[in-house]
Amino acid sequence: MSNEAPEAYAYSGPEELRAAVFGALSQVVDPEVAMNIVDVGLVYGVSVADEVLRVVMTMTSAACPVADVIVEDVEAELERIAPPATRVEVEIVWEPPWSTERMSPRAKQFMGW
């Protein structure tokens, strides 16, 4: 996997953190589909400002049984790369709803689509 952060989600913040954030999020796996959350299309946006690294993301469904695990993994991976004194916040949203259109070409290939 490349360290270049594709436009898989909106990013605002220091350019020097972009690749590290992308790499950290790419380490988080949705256990229901056995793929990372970036390829699945769960991450909608990331912002880094005022000592807060904020991720806006969704789940494949509101009934996702592993949502807490995924959020904990996101927090752990981002805390590992966040600058000192930076707080990590994860917000789960349901609008817009997730759809298979958000999946990367790699994820669609993996799923056989």
C-alpha atoms as a PDB file:
ATOM      1  CA  MET A   1       0.000   0.000   0.000  1.00  0.00           C
ATOM      2  CA  SER A   2       1.285   3.430  -0.865  1.00  0.00           C
ATOM      3  CA  ASN A   3       1.966   6.011   1.822  1.00  0.00           C
ATOM      4  CA  GLU A   4       0.340   8.601  -0.375  1.00  0.00           C
ATOM      5  CA  ALA A   5      -3.054   9.605   0.937  1.00  0.00           C
ATOM      6  CA  PRO A   6      -5.543   9.402  -1.917  1.00  0.00           C
ATOM      7  CA  GLU A   7      -8.699  11.468  -1.833  1.00  0.00           C
ATOM      8  CA  ALA A   8     -10.553   8.702  -0.005  1.00  0.00           C
ATOM      9  CA  TYR A   9     -11.888  11.268   2.463  1.00  0.00           C
ATOM     10  CA  ALA A  10     -11.720  15.025   3.105  1.00  0.00           C
ATOM     11  CA  TYR A  11      -8.654  16.137   5.060  1.00  0.00           C
ATOM     12  CA  SER A  12      -7.857  19.497   6.592  1.00  0.00           C
ATOM     13  CA  GLY A  13      -4.853  20.080   8.767  1.00  0.00           C
ATOM     14  CA  PRO A  14      -1.073  20.154   8.641  1.00  0.00           C
ATOM     15  CA  GLU A  15       0.166  18.616   5.410  1.00  0.00           C
ATOM     16  CA  GLU A  16       2.962  16.824   7.273  1.00  0.00           C
ATOM     17  CA  LEU A  17       0.343  14.770   9.166  1.00  0.00           C
ATOM     18  CA  ARG A  18      -1.725  13.734   6.125  1.00  0.00           C
ATOM     19  CA  ALA A  19       0.217  10.551   5.262  1.00  0.00           C
ATOM     20  CA  ALA A  20       0.572   9.504   8.917  1.00  0.00           C
ATOM     21  CA  VAL A  21      -3.182   9.874   9.484  1.00  0.00           C
ATOM     22  CA  PHE A  22      -3.928   7.922   6.299  1.00  0.00           C
ATOM     23  CA  GLY A  23      -1.491   5.200   7.356  1.00  0.00           C
ATOM     24  CA  ALA A  24      -2.964   4.972  10.861  1.00  0.00           C
ATOM     25  CA  LEU A  25      -6.558   4.769   9.594  1.00  0.00           C
ATOM     26  CA  SER A  26      -5.500   2.155   7.050  1.00  0.00           C
ATOM     27  CA  GLN A  27      -4.383  -0.073   9.951  1.00  0.00           C
ATOM     28  CA  VAL A  28      -7.923  -0.230  11.343  1.00  0.00           C
ATOM     29  CA  VAL A  29      -9.822  -3.255  10.041  1.00  0.00           C
ATOM     30  CA  ASP A  30     -13.585  -3.684   9.919  1.00  0.00           C
ATOM     31  CA  PRO A  31     -13.731  -7.285  11.147  1.00  0.00           C
ATOM     32  CA  GLU A  32     -17.062  -7.920   9.430  1.00  0.00           C
ATOM     33  CA  VAL A  33     -15.537  -7.476   5.979  1.00  0.00           C
ATOM     34  CA  ALA A  34     -11.846  -8.105   6.794  1.00  0.00           C
ATOM     35  CA  MET A  35     -10.731  -4.863   5.117  1.00  0.00           C
ATOM     36  CA  ASN A  36      -9.394  -1.570   6.394  1.00  0.00           C
ATOM     37  CA  ILE A  37     -11.900   1.204   7.065  1.00  0.00           C
ATOM     38  CA  VAL A  38     -10.393   3.527   4.446  1.00  0.00           C
ATOM     39  CA  ASP A  39     -10.879   0.996   1.626  1.00  0.00           C
ATOM     40  CA  VAL A  40     -14.370   0.168   2.891  1.00  0.00           C
ATOM     41  CA  GLY A  41     -15.202   3.894   2.732  1.00  0.00           C
ATOM     42  CA  LEU A  42     -16.165   4.391   6.359  1.00  0.00           C
ATOM     43  CA  VAL A  43     -14.057   7.537   6.859  1.00  0.00           C
ATOM     44  CA  TYR A  44     -15.808  10.703   5.669  1.00  0.00           C
ATOM     45  CA  GLY A  45     -13.348  13.306   6.900  1.00  0.00           C
ATOM     46  CA  VAL A  46     -10.408  14.163   9.114  1.00  0.00           C
ATOM     47  CA  SER A  47      -9.505  17.550  10.542  1.00  0.00           C
ATOM     48  CA  VAL A  48      -6.580  18.574  12.699  1.00  0.00           C
ATOM     49  CA  ALA A  49      -6.823  21.953  14.421  1.00  0.00           C
ATOM     50  CA  ASP A  50      -6.481  23.473  17.871  1.00  0.00           C
ATOM     51  CA  GLU A  51      -4.860  20.329  19.328  1.00  0.00           C
ATOM     52  CA  VAL A  52      -7.790  18.132  18.233  1.00  0.00           C
ATOM     53  CA  LEU A  53      -7.539  15.402  15.605  1.00  0.00           C
ATOM     54  CA  ARG A  54     -11.145  14.734  14.622  1.00  0.00           C
ATOM     55  CA  VAL A  55     -12.455  11.894  12.489  1.00  0.00           C
ATOM     56  CA  VAL A  56     -15.966  11.839  11.081  1.00  0.00           C
ATOM     57  CA  MET A  57     -16.937   8.359  10.003  1.00  0.00           C
ATOM     58  CA  THR A  58     -19.817   5.959   9.641  1.00  0.00           C
ATOM     59  CA  MET A  59     -20.480   2.250   9.841  1.00  0.00           C
ATOM     60  CA  THR A  60     -21.872  -0.013   7.147  1.00  0.00           C
ATOM     61  CA  SER A  61     -25.119  -0.180   9.141  1.00  0.00           C
ATOM     62  CA  ALA A  62     -26.602   1.359  12.276  1.00  0.00           C
ATOM     63  CA  ALA A  63     -26.759  -2.150  13.735  1.00  0.00           C
ATOM     64  CA  CYS A  64     -23.021  -2.731  13.306  1.00  0.00           C
ATOM     65  CA  PRO A  65     -22.069  -5.059  16.181  1.00  0.00           C
ATOM     66  CA  VAL A  66     -18.382  -4.066  16.074  1.00  0.00           C
ATOM     67  CA  ALA A  67     -18.769  -0.263  16.021  1.00  0.00           C
ATOM     68  CA  ASP A  68     -17.221   0.154  19.482  1.00  0.00           C
ATOM     69  CA  VAL A  69     -14.237  -1.990  18.533  1.00  0.00           C
ATOM     70  CA  ILE A  70     -13.651  -0.009  15.336  1.00  0.00           C
ATOM     71  CA  VAL A  71     -13.873   3.348  17.165  1.00  0.00           C
ATOM     72  CA  GLU A  72     -11.444   2.133  19.849  1.00  0.00           C
ATOM     73  CA  ASP A  73      -9.022   0.965  17.157  1.00  0.00           C
ATOM     74  CA  VAL A  74      -9.274   4.324  15.338  1.00  0.00           C
ATOM     75  CA  GLU A  75      -8.548   6.184  18.572  1.00  0.00           C
ATOM     76  CA  ALA A  76      -5.592   3.928  19.426  1.00  0.00           C
ATOM     77  CA  GLU A  77      -4.000   4.190  15.971  1.00  0.00           C
ATOM     78  CA  LEU A  78      -4.420   7.970  15.789  1.00  0.00           C
ATOM     79  CA  GLU A  79      -3.176   8.551  19.347  1.00  0.00           C
ATOM     80  CA  ARG A  80      -0.024   6.687  18.335  1.00  0.00           C
ATOM     81  CA  ILE A  81       0.786   9.207  15.568  1.00  0.00           C
ATOM     82  CA  ALA A  82      -0.848  12.389  16.924  1.00  0.00           C
ATOM     83  CA  PRO A  83       1.404  15.215  18.061  1.00  0.00           C
ATOM     84  CA  PRO A  84       1.815  15.543  21.840  1.00  0.00           C
ATOM     85  CA  ALA A  85      -1.136  17.232  23.606  1.00  0.00           C
ATOM     86  CA  THR A  86      -3.434  16.464  20.651  1.00  0.00           C
ATOM     87  CA  ARG A  87      -6.782  14.962  21.585  1.00  0.00           C
ATOM     88  CA  VAL A  88      -8.370  12.395  19.255  1.00  0.00           C
ATOM     89  CA  GLU A  89     -12.140  12.589  18.723  1.00  0.00           C
ATOM     90  CA  VAL A  90     -14.194  10.170  16.648  1.00  0.00           C
ATOM     91  CA  GLU A  91     -17.717  11.091  15.581  1.00  0.00           C
ATOM     92  CA  ILE A  92     -20.039   8.491  14.088  1.00  0.00           C
ATOM     93  CA  VAL A  93     -22.584   9.924  11.642  1.00  0.00           C
ATOM     94  CA  TRP A  94     -25.393   8.314   9.679  1.00  0.00           C
ATOM     95  CA  GLU A  95     -25.839  11.011   7.016  1.00  0.00           C
ATOM     96  CA  PRO A  96     -24.891  10.501   4.333  1.00  0.00           C
ATOM     97  CA  PRO A  97     -25.495   6.783   4.744  1.00  0.00           C
ATOM     98  CA  TRP A  98     -22.704   4.418   3.766  1.00  0.00           C
ATOM     99  CA  SER A  99     -23.070   2.641   0.436  1.00  0.00           C
ATOM    100  CA  THR A 100     -20.913   0.328  -1.633  1.00  0.00           C
ATOM    101  CA  GLU A 101     -20.167   3.316  -3.898  1.00  0.00           C
ATOM    102  CA  ARG A 102     -17.784   4.551  -1.171  1.00  0.00           C
ATOM    103  CA  MET A 103     -15.587   1.452  -1.426  1.00  0.00           C
ATOM    104  CA  SER A 104     -12.196   1.785  -3.072  1.00  0.00           C
ATOM    105  CA  PRO A 105     -11.542  -0.077  -6.337  1.00  0.00           C
ATOM    106  CA  ARG A 106      -9.282  -2.381  -4.308  1.00  0.00           C
ATOM    107  CA  ALA A 107     -12.135  -3.199  -1.894  1.00  0.00           C
ATOM    108  CA  LYS A 108     -14.557  -3.836  -4.741  1.00  0.00           C
ATOM    109  CA  GLN A 109     -12.039  -6.173  -6.357  1.00  0.00           C
ATOM    110  CA  PHE A 110     -11.480  -7.953  -3.023  1.00  0.00           C
ATOM    111  CA  MET A 111     -15.260  -8.467  -2.726  1.00  0.00           C
ATOM    112  CA  GLY A 112     -15.420  -9.747  -6.288  1.00  0.00           C
ATOM    113  CA  TRP A 113     -17.472  -6.822  -7.635  1.00  0.00           C
END
